[in-house]
Amino acid sequence: MLIDKIERQYCKILREGIAEQPPDSVPEKGKRGRKAKSKSARLLDVFNQRSQNVLMFIYNPDVPFDNNLAERDLEWLN
């Protein structure tokens, strides 16, 4: 089925992206907390945690592929 193929490809891309990320570094001595993640690592986390939302357009044909209409509405308000 096409949906399964798209989901598998999406998961494969996420795995490859996560594998490309450098390991979390140990914080410097005397500094608290962990080092902030890079923008790409944060984006991968969002795509991984919200995959159902990102791929909603393949499950429901009424959901648009992009949000151009919403963006146009916001531009009109400005």
Protein backbone atom coordinates (compact mmCIF):
# COMPACT_ATOMS: atom_id res chain seq x y z
CA MET A 1 0.00 0.00 0.00
CA LEU A 2 1.24 3.50 -0.80
CA ILE A 3 0.70 4.82 2.75
CA ASP A 4 2.91 2.07 4.18
CA LYS A 5 5.62 2.87 1.66
CA ILE A 6 5.53 6.59 2.54
CA GLU A 7 5.64 5.82 6.29
CA ARG A 8 8.62 3.47 5.84
CA GLN A 9 10.49 6.06 3.79
CA TYR A 10 9.71 8.76 6.37
CA CYS A 11 11.03 6.55 9.20
CA LYS A 12 14.15 5.69 7.19
CA ILE A 13 14.90 9.38 6.60
CA LEU A 14 14.43 10.12 10.32
CA ARG A 15 16.75 7.26 11.33
CA GLU A 16 19.41 8.46 8.90
CA GLY A 17 19.09 12.03 10.20
CA ILE A 18 19.34 10.93 13.82
CA ALA A 19 22.40 8.80 13.01
CA GLU A 20 24.08 11.86 11.45
CA GLN A 21 23.68 13.92 14.63
CA PRO A 22 26.74 14.16 16.87
CA PRO A 23 26.36 12.49 20.27
CA ASP A 24 25.20 14.63 23.17
CA SER A 25 28.22 16.23 24.74
CA VAL A 26 28.97 16.14 28.42
CA PRO A 27 28.50 19.56 30.04
CA GLU A 28 31.61 21.44 31.04
CA LYS A 29 32.71 21.10 34.64
CA GLY A 30 30.95 23.64 36.81
CA LYS A 31 28.08 24.18 34.36
CA ARG A 32 24.66 22.76 35.14
CA GLY A 33 22.26 21.08 32.77
CA ARG A 34 22.95 19.56 29.42
CA LYS A 35 24.17 21.39 26.37
CA ALA A 36 21.46 22.76 24.10
CA LYS A 37 20.65 20.70 21.01
CA SER A 38 21.30 22.04 17.54
CA LYS A 39 18.42 23.33 15.42
CA SER A 40 18.60 20.27 13.20
CA ALA A 41 18.45 17.93 16.21
CA ARG A 42 15.42 19.77 17.60
CA LEU A 43 13.69 19.61 14.22
CA LEU A 44 14.36 15.86 13.97
CA ASP A 45 12.89 15.42 17.45
CA VAL A 46 9.71 17.24 16.43
CA PHE A 47 9.39 15.24 13.20
CA ASN A 48 9.93 12.04 15.16
CA GLN A 49 7.51 12.84 18.00
CA ARG A 50 4.80 14.29 15.75
CA SER A 51 5.03 12.01 12.75
CA GLN A 52 1.25 11.38 12.73
CA ASN A 53 0.65 15.13 12.45
CA VAL A 54 3.36 15.66 9.83
CA LEU A 55 1.94 12.87 7.66
CA MET A 56 -1.74 13.65 8.30
CA PHE A 57 -2.28 14.54 4.63
CA ILE A 58 -1.65 10.90 3.61
CA TYR A 59 -4.25 9.55 6.06
CA ASN A 60 -6.95 12.14 5.42
CA PRO A 61 -7.39 13.50 1.88
CA ASP A 62 -9.20 16.59 3.26
CA VAL A 63 -6.01 17.78 4.95
CA PRO A 64 -3.91 19.94 2.61
CA PHE A 65 -0.28 19.03 1.94
CA ASP A 66 0.86 22.51 2.95
CA ASN A 67 -0.50 25.43 4.90
CA ASN A 68 -0.31 28.10 2.20
CA LEU A 69 -3.92 29.15 2.78
CA ALA A 70 -3.27 29.80 6.48
CA GLU A 71 -0.09 31.71 5.62
CA ARG A 72 -1.97 33.86 3.11
CA ASP A 73 -4.64 34.62 5.72
CA LEU A 74 -1.95 35.74 8.17
CA GLU A 75 -0.27 37.93 5.55
CA TRP A 76 -3.61 39.56 4.80
CA LEU A 77 -4.01 40.52 8.46
CA ASN A 78 -0.64 42.29 8.57
